PDB file of N, CA and C in Angstrom:
ATOM      1  N   UNK A   1      52.943 101.562  91.305  1.00  0.00           N
ATOM      2  CA  UNK A   1      53.341 100.892  92.516  1.00  0.00           C
ATOM      3  C   UNK A   1      54.481 100.716  91.133  1.00  0.00           C
ATOM      4  N   UNK A   2      55.744 100.824  92.141  1.00  0.00           N
ATOM      5  CA  UNK A   2      56.403 100.373  91.696  1.00  0.00           C
ATOM      6  C   UNK A   2      57.199  98.824  90.813  1.00  0.00           C
ATOM      7  N   UNK A   3      57.864  98.034  90.314  1.00  0.00           N
ATOM      8  CA  UNK A   3      57.560  96.532  90.623  1.00  0.00           C
ATOM      9  C   UNK A   3      59.216  96.762  89.487  1.00  0.00           C
ATOM     10  N   UNK A   4      60.261  96.264  90.562  1.00  0.00           N
ATOM     11  CA  UNK A   4      61.728  95.993  90.041  1.00  0.00           C
ATOM     12  C   UNK A   4      61.970  94.189  90.009  1.00  0.00           C
ATOM     13  N   UNK A   5      62.166  94.346  88.806  1.00  0.00           N
ATOM     14  CA  UNK A   5      62.703  92.964  88.509  1.00  0.00           C
ATOM     15  C   UNK A   5      64.115  92.771  88.678  1.00  0.00           C
ATOM     16  N   UNK A   6      64.874  92.009  89.741  1.00  0.00           N
ATOM     17  CA  UNK A   6      65.897  91.959  89.132  1.00  0.00           C
ATOM     18  C   UNK A   6      66.302  90.362  89.055  1.00  0.00           C
ATOM     19  N   UNK A   7      67.642  90.747  88.064  1.00  0.00           N
ATOM     20  CA  UNK A   7      68.155  89.654  87.595  1.00  0.00           C
ATOM     21  C   UNK A   7      69.255  88.951  87.952  1.00  0.00           C
ATOM     22  N   UNK A   8      69.746  87.754  88.080  1.00  0.00           N
ATOM     23  CA  UNK A   8      71.109  87.139  88.618  1.00  0.00           C
ATOM     24  C   UNK A   8      71.697  86.845  87.634  1.00  0.00           C
ATOM     25  N   UNK A   9      72.541  87.914  86.974  1.00  0.00           N
ATOM     26  CA  UNK A   9      73.632  88.145  86.167  1.00  0.00           C
ATOM     27  C   UNK A   9      74.693  86.967  87.056  1.00  0.00           C
ATOM     28  N   UNK A  10      75.325  86.484  86.290  1.00  0.00           N
ATOM     29  CA  UNK A  10      76.550  85.455  86.959  1.00  0.00           C
ATOM     30  C   UNK A  10      77.681  86.955  86.979  1.00  0.00           C
ATOM     31  N   UNK A  11      78.703  86.945  87.386  1.00  0.00           N
ATOM     32  CA  UNK A  11      79.382  88.181  87.248  1.00  0.00           C
ATOM     33  C   UNK A  11      80.703  86.855  86.472  1.00  0.00           C
ATOM     34  N   UNK A  12      80.905  88.289  85.671  1.00  0.00           N
ATOM     35  CA  UNK A  12      82.284  87.879  84.457  1.00  0.00           C
ATOM     36  C   UNK A  12      83.261  88.860  84.888  1.00  0.00           C
ATOM     37  N   UNK A  13      84.000  88.005  84.651  1.00  0.00           N
ATOM     38  CA  UNK A  13      85.303  89.648  84.717  1.00  0.00           C
ATOM     39  C   UNK A  13      85.770  89.934  83.908  1.00  0.00           C
ATOM     40  N   UNK A  14      85.879  91.117  83.767  1.00  0.00           N
ATOM     41  CA  UNK A  14      86.000  92.637  82.509  1.00  0.00           C
ATOM     42  C   UNK A  14      88.187  91.163  81.948  1.00  0.00           C
ATOM     43  N   UNK A  15      87.828  91.726  80.213  1.00  0.00           N
ATOM     44  CA  UNK A  15      88.513  91.486  79.888  1.00  0.00           C
ATOM     45  C   UNK A  15      89.890  92.220  80.129  1.00  0.00           C
ATOM     46  N   UNK A  16      90.948  91.968  80.897  1.00  0.00           N
ATOM     47  CA  UNK A  16      92.178  92.021  80.728  1.00  0.00           C
ATOM     48  C   UNK A  16      92.583  93.231  79.794  1.00  0.00           C
ATOM     49  N   UNK A  17      93.134  94.613  79.949  1.00  0.00           N
ATOM     50  CA  UNK A  17      93.723  94.909  78.598  1.00  0.00           C
ATOM     51  C   UNK A  17      95.258  95.158  78.411  1.00  0.00           C
ATOM     52  N   UNK A  18      95.405  95.046  77.974  1.00  0.00           N
ATOM     53  CA  UNK A  18      96.966  94.487  77.889  1.00  0.00           C
ATOM     54  C   UNK A  18      98.154  96.002  78.496  1.00  0.00           C
ATOM     55  N   UNK A  19      98.928  95.544  78.919  1.00  0.00           N
ATOM     56  CA  UNK A  19      99.154  97.114  79.428  1.00  0.00           C
ATOM     57  C   UNK A  19     100.804  97.633  79.263  1.00  0.00           C
ATOM     58  N   UNK A  20     101.758  98.387  78.790  1.00  0.00           N
ATOM     59  CA  UNK A  20     102.696  98.322  77.803  1.00  0.00           C
ATOM     60  C   UNK A  20     103.579  98.141  79.507  1.00  0.00           C
ATOM     61  N   UNK A  21     104.823  96.903  79.658  1.00  0.00           N
ATOM     62  CA  UNK A  21     105.683  97.352  80.349  1.00  0.00           C
ATOM     63  C   UNK A  21     107.296  97.150  79.838  1.00  0.00           C
ATOM     64  N   UNK A  22     108.161  98.132  80.253  1.00  0.00           N
ATOM     65  CA  UNK A  22     109.245  98.139  79.740  1.00  0.00           C
ATOM     66  C   UNK A  22     109.575  96.500  79.929  1.00  0.00           C
ATOM     67  N   UNK A  23     110.143  95.888  80.021  1.00  0.00           N
ATOM     68  CA  UNK A  23     111.116  94.787  80.392  1.00  0.00           C
ATOM     69  C   UNK A  23     110.865  93.918  82.091  1.00  0.00           C
ATOM     70  N   UNK A  24     111.101  93.410  82.415  1.00  0.00           N
ATOM     71  CA  UNK A  24     111.734  93.203  83.951  1.00  0.00           C
ATOM     72  C   UNK A  24     112.550  93.623  84.612  1.00  0.00           C
ATOM     73  N   UNK A  25     112.465  94.292  85.735  1.00  0.00           N
ATOM     74  CA  UNK A  25     113.457  94.454  86.622  1.00  0.00           C
ATOM     75  C   UNK A  25     114.548  93.790  86.994  1.00  0.00           C
ATOM     76  N   UNK A  26     115.826  94.462  86.921  1.00  0.00           N
ATOM     77  CA  UNK A  26     117.245  93.947  87.315  1.00  0.00           C
ATOM     78  C   UNK A  26     117.316  92.600  88.289  1.00  0.00           C
ATOM     79  N   UNK A  27     116.868  93.591  89.271  1.00  0.00           N
ATOM     80  CA  UNK A  27     116.217  92.863  90.518  1.00  0.00           C
ATOM     81  C   UNK A  27     114.839  93.318  91.097  1.00  0.00           C
ATOM     82  N   UNK A  28     114.520  91.385  91.350  1.00  0.00           N
ATOM     83  CA  UNK A  28     113.242  91.442  91.762  1.00  0.00           C
ATOM     84  C   UNK A  28     112.807  90.999  93.084  1.00  0.00           C
ATOM     85  N   UNK A  29     114.007  90.449  93.794  1.00  0.00           N
ATOM     86  CA  UNK A  29     113.913  90.702  95.395  1.00  0.00           C
ATOM     87  C   UNK A  29     115.174  91.975  96.365  1.00  0.00           C
ATOM     88  N   UNK A  30     113.948  92.455  97.395  1.00  0.00           N
ATOM     89  CA  UNK A  30     115.285  93.445  98.175  1.00  0.00           C
ATOM     90  C   UNK A  30     114.324  92.780  99.729  1.00  0.00           C
ATOM     91  N   UNK A  31     115.688  92.836 100.761  1.00  0.00           N
ATOM     92  CA  UNK A  31     114.894  92.699 101.873  1.00  0.00           C
ATOM     93  C   UNK A  31     115.822  93.555 102.720  1.00  0.00           C
ATOM     94  N   UNK A  32     115.047  93.679 104.191  1.00  0.00           N
ATOM     95  CA  UNK A  32     116.054  94.404 105.241  1.00  0.00           C
ATOM     96  C   UNK A  32     117.391  93.593 105.325  1.00  0.00           C
ATOM     97  N   UNK A  33     118.289  93.821 105.349  1.00  0.00           N
ATOM     98  CA  UNK A  33     119.782  94.028 106.038  1.00  0.00           C
ATOM     99  C   UNK A  33     119.700  93.307 107.157  1.00  0.00           C
ATOM    100  N   UNK A  34     121.008  92.002 107.136  1.00  0.00           N
ATOM    101  CA  UNK A  34     120.717  91.232 108.868  1.00  0.00           C
ATOM    102  C   UNK A  34     119.683  90.895 109.463  1.00  0.00           C
ATOM    103  N   UNK A  35     118.692  90.856 108.232  1.00  0.00           N
ATOM    104  CA  UNK A  35     117.408  89.954 109.283  1.00  0.00           C
ATOM    105  C   UNK A  35     116.952  88.576 108.050  1.00  0.00           C
ATOM    106  N   UNK A  36     117.256  87.489 108.883  1.00  0.00           N
ATOM    107  CA  UNK A  36     117.465  86.387 107.559  1.00  0.00           C
ATOM    108  C   UNK A  36     116.063  85.913 107.549  1.00  0.00           C
ATOM    109  N   UNK A  37     115.913  85.951 106.111  1.00  0.00           N
ATOM    110  CA  UNK A  37     114.640  85.817 105.044  1.00  0.00           C
ATOM    111  C   UNK A  37     113.235  84.928 106.310  1.00  0.00           C
ATOM    112  N   UNK A  38     114.094  83.976 106.062  1.00  0.00           N
ATOM    113  CA  UNK A  38     112.898  83.110 107.202  1.00  0.00           C
ATOM    114  C   UNK A  38     111.759  83.372 107.774  1.00  0.00           C
ATOM    115  N   UNK A  39     112.611  84.805 108.098  1.00  0.00           N
ATOM    116  CA  UNK A  39     111.699  85.647 109.431  1.00  0.00           C
ATOM    117  C   UNK A  39     111.409  86.747 108.692  1.00  0.00           C
ATOM    118  N   UNK A  40     111.117  86.945 107.990  1.00  0.00           N
ATOM    119  CA  UNK A  40     110.869  88.487 107.095  1.00  0.00           C
ATOM    120  C   UNK A  40     109.681  87.672 106.254  1.00  0.00           C
ATOM    121  N   UNK A  41     109.171  89.367 106.165  1.00  0.00           N
ATOM    122  CA  UNK A  41     106.871  89.067 105.900  1.00  0.00           C
ATOM    123  C   UNK A  41     107.410  89.443 104.589  1.00  0.00           C
ATOM    124  N   UNK A  42     106.723  89.157 103.449  1.00  0.00           N
ATOM    125  CA  UNK A  42     107.360  89.336 102.159  1.00  0.00           C
ATOM    126  C   UNK A  42     105.268  90.630 100.904  1.00  0.00           C
ATOM    127  N   UNK A  43     106.113  91.441 101.000  1.00  0.00           N
ATOM    128  CA  UNK A  43     104.958  92.347  99.990  1.00  0.00           C
ATOM    129  C   UNK A  43     105.118  92.146  98.567  1.00  0.00           C
ATOM    130  N   UNK A  44     104.273  92.038  98.206  1.00  0.00           N
ATOM    131  CA  UNK A  44     104.489  91.568  96.736  1.00  0.00           C
ATOM    132  C   UNK A  44     103.879  93.324  95.610  1.00  0.00           C
ATOM    133  N   UNK A  45     105.142  93.259  94.512  1.00  0.00           N
ATOM    134  CA  UNK A  45     105.137  93.979  94.098  1.00  0.00           C
ATOM    135  C   UNK A  45     104.832  93.522  92.470  1.00  0.00           C
ATOM    136  N   UNK A  46     103.487  93.819  91.898  1.00  0.00           N
ATOM    137  CA  UNK A  46     103.665  93.274  90.198  1.00  0.00           C
ATOM    138  C   UNK A  46     103.911  94.029  89.266  1.00  0.00           C
ATOM    139  N   UNK A  47     103.939  93.824  88.345  1.00  0.00           N
ATOM    140  CA  UNK A  47     105.361  94.574  86.969  1.00  0.00           C
ATOM    141  C   UNK A  47     104.194  95.314  86.173  1.00  0.00           C
ATOM    142  N   UNK A  48     103.139  95.905  86.745  1.00  0.00           N
ATOM    143  CA  UNK A  48     102.381  96.843  86.691  1.00  0.00           C
ATOM    144  C   UNK A  48     102.486  97.993  87.644  1.00  0.00           C
ATOM    145  N   UNK A  49     103.275  97.215  89.262  1.00  0.00           N
ATOM    146  CA  UNK A  49     103.324  98.983  89.660  1.00  0.00           C
ATOM    147  C   UNK A  49     104.623  99.042  90.331  1.00  0.00           C
ATOM    148  N   UNK A  50     106.005  98.147  89.651  1.00  0.00           N
ATOM    149  CA  UNK A  50     107.024  97.776  89.281  1.00  0.00           C
ATOM    150  C   UNK A  50     107.522  99.550  87.969  1.00  0.00           C
ATOM    151  N   UNK A  51     106.469  99.548  87.599  1.00  0.00           N
ATOM    152  CA  UNK A  51     106.658 100.241  85.767  1.00  0.00           C
ATOM    153  C   UNK A  51     106.294 100.933  86.079  1.00  0.00           C
ATOM    154  N   UNK A  52     105.377 101.676  87.173  1.00  0.00           N
ATOM    155  CA  UNK A  52     104.139 102.542  87.935  1.00  0.00           C
ATOM    156  C   UNK A  52     105.183 103.952  88.091  1.00  0.00           C
ATOM    157  N   UNK A  53     106.115 103.072  89.176  1.00  0.00           N
ATOM    158  CA  UNK A  53     107.285 103.912  90.096  1.00  0.00           C
ATOM    159  C   UNK A  53     108.224 103.929  89.655  1.00  0.00           C
ATOM    160  N   UNK A  54     108.933 103.304  88.331  1.00  0.00           N
ATOM    161  CA  UNK A  54     110.213 103.287  87.257  1.00  0.00           C
ATOM    162  C   UNK A  54     109.529 104.761  86.659  1.00  0.00           C
ATOM    163  N   UNK A  55     108.469 104.715  86.344  1.00  0.00           N
ATOM    164  CA  UNK A  55     107.659 105.577  85.489  1.00  0.00           C
ATOM    165  C   UNK A  55     107.735 107.483  85.962  1.00  0.00           C
ATOM    166  N   UNK A  56     107.420 106.857  86.948  1.00  0.00           N
ATOM    167  CA  UNK A  56     106.714 108.280  87.998  1.00  0.00           C
ATOM    168  C   UNK A  56     107.349 108.708  88.647  1.00  0.00           C
ATOM    169  N   UNK A  57     108.165 107.623  89.439  1.00  0.00           N
ATOM    170  CA  UNK A  57     109.488 108.338  90.246  1.00  0.00           C
ATOM    171  C   UNK A  57     110.606 108.684  89.864  1.00  0.00           C
ATOM    172  N   UNK A  58     111.385 107.432  89.267  1.00  0.00           N
ATOM    173  CA  UNK A  58     112.442 107.478  88.569  1.00  0.00           C
ATOM    174  C   UNK A  58     112.121 108.548  87.622  1.00  0.00           C
ATOM    175  N   UNK A  59     112.400 108.232  86.350  1.00  0.00           N
ATOM    176  CA  UNK A  59     111.532 109.176  84.969  1.00  0.00           C
ATOM    177  C   UNK A  59     111.594 110.089  85.179  1.00  0.00           C
ATOM    178  N   UNK A  60     110.373 110.531  86.601  1.00  0.00           N
ATOM    179  CA  UNK A  60     109.744 111.593  86.541  1.00  0.00           C
ATOM    180  C   UNK A  60     108.534 112.495  86.204  1.00  0.00           C
ATOM    181  N   UNK A  61     108.042 111.207  85.406  1.00  0.00           N
ATOM    182  CA  UNK A  61     107.116 111.666  83.981  1.00  0.00           C
ATOM    183  C   UNK A  61     105.125 112.176  85.136  1.00  0.00           C
ATOM    184  N   UNK A  62     104.987 113.183  84.822  1.00  0.00           N
ATOM    185  CA  UNK A  62     103.821 112.975  84.948  1.00  0.00           C
ATOM    186  C   UNK A  62     102.407 111.500  84.852  1.00  0.00           C
ATOM    187  N   UNK A  63     101.691 111.391  85.572  1.00  0.00           N
ATOM    188  CA  UNK A  63     100.522 110.909  85.506  1.00  0.00           C
ATOM    189  C   UNK A  63     100.108 110.561  84.136  1.00  0.00           C
ATOM    190  N   UNK A  64      99.078 111.341  83.303  1.00  0.00           N
ATOM    191  CA  UNK A  64      99.224 111.546  82.034  1.00  0.00           C
ATOM    192  C   UNK A  64     100.109 111.224  80.621  1.00  0.00           C
ATOM    193  N   UNK A  65     101.404 111.232  81.091  1.00  0.00           N
ATOM    194  CA  UNK A  65     102.161 111.162  80.424  1.00  0.00           C
ATOM    195  C   UNK A  65     102.657 109.943  80.519  1.00  0.00           C
ATOM    196  N   UNK A  66     103.194 108.820  81.597  1.00  0.00           N
ATOM    197  CA  UNK A  66     103.213 108.110  82.465  1.00  0.00           C
ATOM    198  C   UNK A  66     102.212 106.647  81.955  1.00  0.00           C
ATOM    199  N   UNK A  67     101.065 106.944  81.948  1.00  0.00           N
ATOM    200  CA  UNK A  67      99.727 106.440  81.279  1.00  0.00           C
ATOM    201  C   UNK A  67      99.750 105.878  80.056  1.00  0.00           C
ATOM    202  N   UNK A  68     100.202 106.707  79.255  1.00  0.00           N
ATOM    203  CA  UNK A  68      99.839 106.993  77.836  1.00  0.00           C
ATOM    204  C   UNK A  68     100.674 105.794  78.143  1.00  0.00           C
ATOM    205  N   UNK A  69     102.367 105.654  77.844  1.00  0.00           N
ATOM    206  CA  UNK A  69     103.398 104.962  77.646  1.00  0.00           C
ATOM    207  C   UNK A  69     102.746 103.212  78.285  1.00  0.00           C
ATOM    208  N   UNK A  70     101.886 103.149  79.475  1.00  0.00           N
ATOM    209  CA  UNK A  70     101.511 102.145  79.710  1.00  0.00           C
ATOM    210  C   UNK A  70     100.131 101.512  79.367  1.00  0.00           C
ATOM    211  N   UNK A  71      99.701 102.561  78.066  1.00  0.00           N
ATOM    212  CA  UNK A  71      98.167 101.983  77.785  1.00  0.00           C
ATOM    213  C   UNK A  71      97.819 102.051  78.650  1.00  0.00           C
ATOM    214  N   UNK A  72      97.745 102.693  79.457  1.00  0.00           N
ATOM    215  CA  UNK A  72      96.026 102.821  80.059  1.00  0.00           C
ATOM    216  C   UNK A  72      95.465 103.811  80.891  1.00  0.00           C
ATOM    217  N   UNK A  73      94.042 104.504  81.491  1.00  0.00           N
ATOM    218  CA  UNK A  73      94.296 105.655  81.708  1.00  0.00           C
ATOM    219  C   UNK A  73      94.948 106.413  82.426  1.00  0.00           C
ATOM    220  N   UNK A  74      94.515 107.432  83.027  1.00  0.00           N
ATOM    221  CA  UNK A  74      95.764 107.727  84.132  1.00  0.00           C
ATOM    222  C   UNK A  74      94.735 107.687  85.140  1.00  0.00           C
ATOM    223  N   UNK A  75      93.611 106.949  85.174  1.00  0.00           N
ATOM    224  CA  UNK A  75      92.911 106.876  87.102  1.00  0.00           C
ATOM    225  C   UNK A  75      93.506 106.097  87.065  1.00  0.00           C
ATOM    226  N   UNK A  76      94.041 105.173  86.248  1.00  0.00           N
ATOM    227  CA  UNK A  76      94.366 103.883  86.069  1.00  0.00           C
ATOM    228  C   UNK A  76      96.195 103.271  86.376  1.00  0.00           C
ATOM    229  N   UNK A  77      96.628 104.380  86.428  1.00  0.00           N
ATOM    230  CA  UNK A  77      97.581 104.862  86.361  1.00  0.00           C
ATOM    231  C   UNK A  77      97.541 104.772  87.679  1.00  0.00           C
ATOM    232  N   UNK A  78      97.197 106.230  88.077  1.00  0.00           N
ATOM    233  CA  UNK A  78      97.352 106.622  89.765  1.00  0.00           C
ATOM    234  C   UNK A  78      96.741 105.494  90.799  1.00  0.00           C
ATOM    235  N   UNK A  79      95.955 104.858  90.351  1.00  0.00           N
ATOM    236  CA  UNK A  79      95.382 103.817  91.036  1.00  0.00           C
ATOM    237  C   UNK A  79      96.632 102.788  91.496  1.00  0.00           C
ATOM    238  N   UNK A  80      97.496 102.347  90.199  1.00  0.00           N
ATOM    239  CA  UNK A  80      98.530 101.128  89.838  1.00  0.00           C
ATOM    240  C   UNK A  80      99.600 102.052  91.128  1.00  0.00           C
ATOM    241  N   UNK A  81      99.743 103.807  90.751  1.00  0.00           N
ATOM    242  CA  UNK A  81     101.026 104.111  90.970  1.00  0.00           C
ATOM    243  C   UNK A  81     100.442 103.923  93.324  1.00  0.00           C
ATOM    244  N   UNK A  82      99.143 104.114  93.283  1.00  0.00           N
ATOM    245  CA  UNK A  82      98.966 104.293  94.512  1.00  0.00           C
ATOM    246  C   UNK A  82      99.426 103.215  95.495  1.00  0.00           C
ATOM    247  N   UNK A  83      98.314 101.929  94.905  1.00  0.00           N
ATOM    248  CA  UNK A  83      98.790 100.637  95.321  1.00  0.00           C
ATOM    249  C   UNK A  83     100.776 100.347  95.523  1.00  0.00           C
ATOM    250  N   UNK A  84     101.517 100.783  94.565  1.00  0.00           N
ATOM    251  CA  UNK A  84     102.694 100.593  94.441  1.00  0.00           C
ATOM    252  C   UNK A  84     103.601 101.490  95.774  1.00  0.00           C
ATOM    253  N   UNK A  85     103.193 102.790  96.222  1.00  0.00           N
ATOM    254  CA  UNK A  85     103.791 103.440  96.954  1.00  0.00           C
ATOM    255  C   UNK A  85     103.345 102.762  98.516  1.00  0.00           C
ATOM    256  N   UNK A  86     101.573 101.769  98.686  1.00  0.00           N
ATOM    257  CA  UNK A  86     101.765 101.635  99.795  1.00  0.00           C
ATOM    258  C   UNK A  86     101.981 100.270 100.243  1.00  0.00           C
ATOM    259  N   UNK A  87     102.308  99.560  99.586  1.00  0.00           N
ATOM    260  CA  UNK A  87     103.136  98.325  99.483  1.00  0.00           C
ATOM    261  C   UNK A  87     104.390  98.568 100.032  1.00  0.00           C
ATOM    262  N   UNK A  88     104.968  99.545  99.027  1.00  0.00           N
ATOM    263  CA  UNK A  88     106.850 100.277  99.407  1.00  0.00           C
ATOM    264  C   UNK A  88     106.827 100.493 100.508  1.00  0.00           C
ATOM    265  N   UNK A  89     106.252 101.411 100.956  1.00  0.00           N
ATOM    266  CA  UNK A  89     105.546 102.095 102.712  1.00  0.00           C
ATOM    267  C   UNK A  89     106.148 100.873 103.495  1.00  0.00           C
ATOM    268  N   UNK A  90     104.700 100.307 103.054  1.00  0.00           N
ATOM    269  CA  UNK A  90     104.720  99.313 104.766  1.00  0.00           C
ATOM    270  C   UNK A  90     105.717  98.186 104.317  1.00  0.00           C
ATOM    271  N   UNK A  91     106.083  98.086 102.813  1.00  0.00           N
ATOM    272  CA  UNK A  91     107.873  96.986 103.325  1.00  0.00           C
ATOM    273  C   UNK A  91     108.990  97.696 104.101  1.00  0.00           C
ATOM    274  N   UNK A  92     108.782  99.426 103.809  1.00  0.00           N
ATOM    275  CA  UNK A  92     109.946 100.422 104.861  1.00  0.00           C
ATOM    276  C   UNK A  92     109.736 100.129 105.880  1.00  0.00           C
ATOM    277  N   UNK A  93     108.283 100.754 106.616  1.00  0.00           N
ATOM    278  CA  UNK A  93     108.372 100.923 107.809  1.00  0.00           C
ATOM    279  C   UNK A  93     108.372  99.541 108.725  1.00  0.00           C
ATOM    280  N   UNK A  94     107.492  98.303 108.155  1.00  0.00           N
ATOM    281  CA  UNK A  94     107.098  97.850 108.708  1.00  0.00           C
ATOM    282  C   UNK A  94     108.406  96.580 108.779  1.00  0.00           C
ATOM    283  N   UNK A  95     109.326  96.472 108.032  1.00  0.00           N
ATOM    284  CA  UNK A  95     110.663  96.245 107.633  1.00  0.00           C
ATOM    285  C   UNK A  95     110.263  94.664 106.981  1.00  0.00           C
ATOM    286  N   UNK A  96     110.200  94.423 106.105  1.00  0.00           N
ATOM    287  CA  UNK A  96     109.765  93.763 104.888  1.00  0.00           C
ATOM    288  C   UNK A  96     110.310  93.231 103.976  1.00  0.00           C
ATOM    289  N   UNK A  97     109.704  92.144 103.165  1.00  0.00           N
ATOM    290  CA  UNK A  97     110.815  91.654 101.661  1.00  0.00           C
ATOM    291  C   UNK A  97     110.095  92.715 101.288  1.00  0.00           C
ATOM    292  N   UNK A  98     110.645  93.122  99.683  1.00  0.00           N
ATOM    293  CA  UNK A  98     109.955  93.289  98.319  1.00  0.00           C
ATOM    294  C   UNK A  98     110.210  92.228  97.229  1.00  0.00           C
ATOM    295  N   UNK A  99     109.052  91.849  97.007  1.00  0.00           N
ATOM    296  CA  UNK A  99     109.347  90.642  96.042  1.00  0.00           C
ATOM    297  C   UNK A  99     108.224  91.011  94.329  1.00  0.00           C
ATOM    298  N   UNK A 100     109.380  91.823  93.392  1.00  0.00           N
ATOM    299  CA  UNK A 100     108.648  92.184  92.151  1.00  0.00           C
ATOM    300  C   UNK A 100     108.330  90.914  91.369  1.00  0.00           C
ATOM    301  N   UNK A 101     106.955  90.233  91.594  1.00  0.00           N
ATOM    302  CA  UNK A 101     106.216  89.318  91.122  1.00  0.00           C
ATOM    303  C   UNK A 101     106.284  89.664  89.001  1.00  0.00           C
ATOM    304  N   UNK A 102     106.302  88.438  88.109  1.00  0.00           N
ATOM    305  CA  UNK A 102     106.184  88.694  87.023  1.00  0.00           C
ATOM    306  C   UNK A 102     104.326  88.222  86.571  1.00  0.00           C
ATOM    307  N   UNK A 103     103.976  89.320  86.872  1.00  0.00           N
ATOM    308  CA  UNK A 103     101.890  89.318  86.544  1.00  0.00           C
ATOM    309  C   UNK A 103     101.932  90.927  86.834  1.00  0.00           C
ATOM    310  N   UNK A 104     100.850  91.055  86.171  1.00  0.00           N
ATOM    311  CA  UNK A 104      99.983  92.546  86.359  1.00  0.00           C
ATOM    312  C   UNK A 104      98.885  92.155  87.096  1.00  0.00           C
ATOM    313  N   UNK A 105      98.823  93.262  87.598  1.00  0.00           N
ATOM    314  CA  UNK A 105      97.597  94.081  88.183  1.00  0.00           C
ATOM    315  C   UNK A 105      95.684  93.766  87.473  1.00  0.00           C
ATOM    316  N   UNK A 106      95.330  93.571  88.245  1.00  0.00           N
ATOM    317  CA  UNK A 106      93.935  93.489  87.533  1.00  0.00           C
ATOM    318  C   UNK A 106      93.636  95.031  87.497  1.00  0.00           C
TER     319      UNK A 106
END
């Protein structure tokens, strides 16, 4: 008979690695024209997500090269970029505002 002991360890958050982001964007808020701000739902884009869009879509870098610039793994970069794409698509398709926050994602 196999006796398995389960330990109840308190979940500690992982240490956050430094990510390289080349400054803040010139504009940090975008909204659909003709709709008052009070009627809009907002999508928040982190600086990590903004930087991933800038490197991959604006500069046209491959994910491996962009990941090196941000000092993250290629897999992490891919997750950040995918999250950014989903948020931007949601805002465009559903008429939401986009706010770029001066925070990074975990």
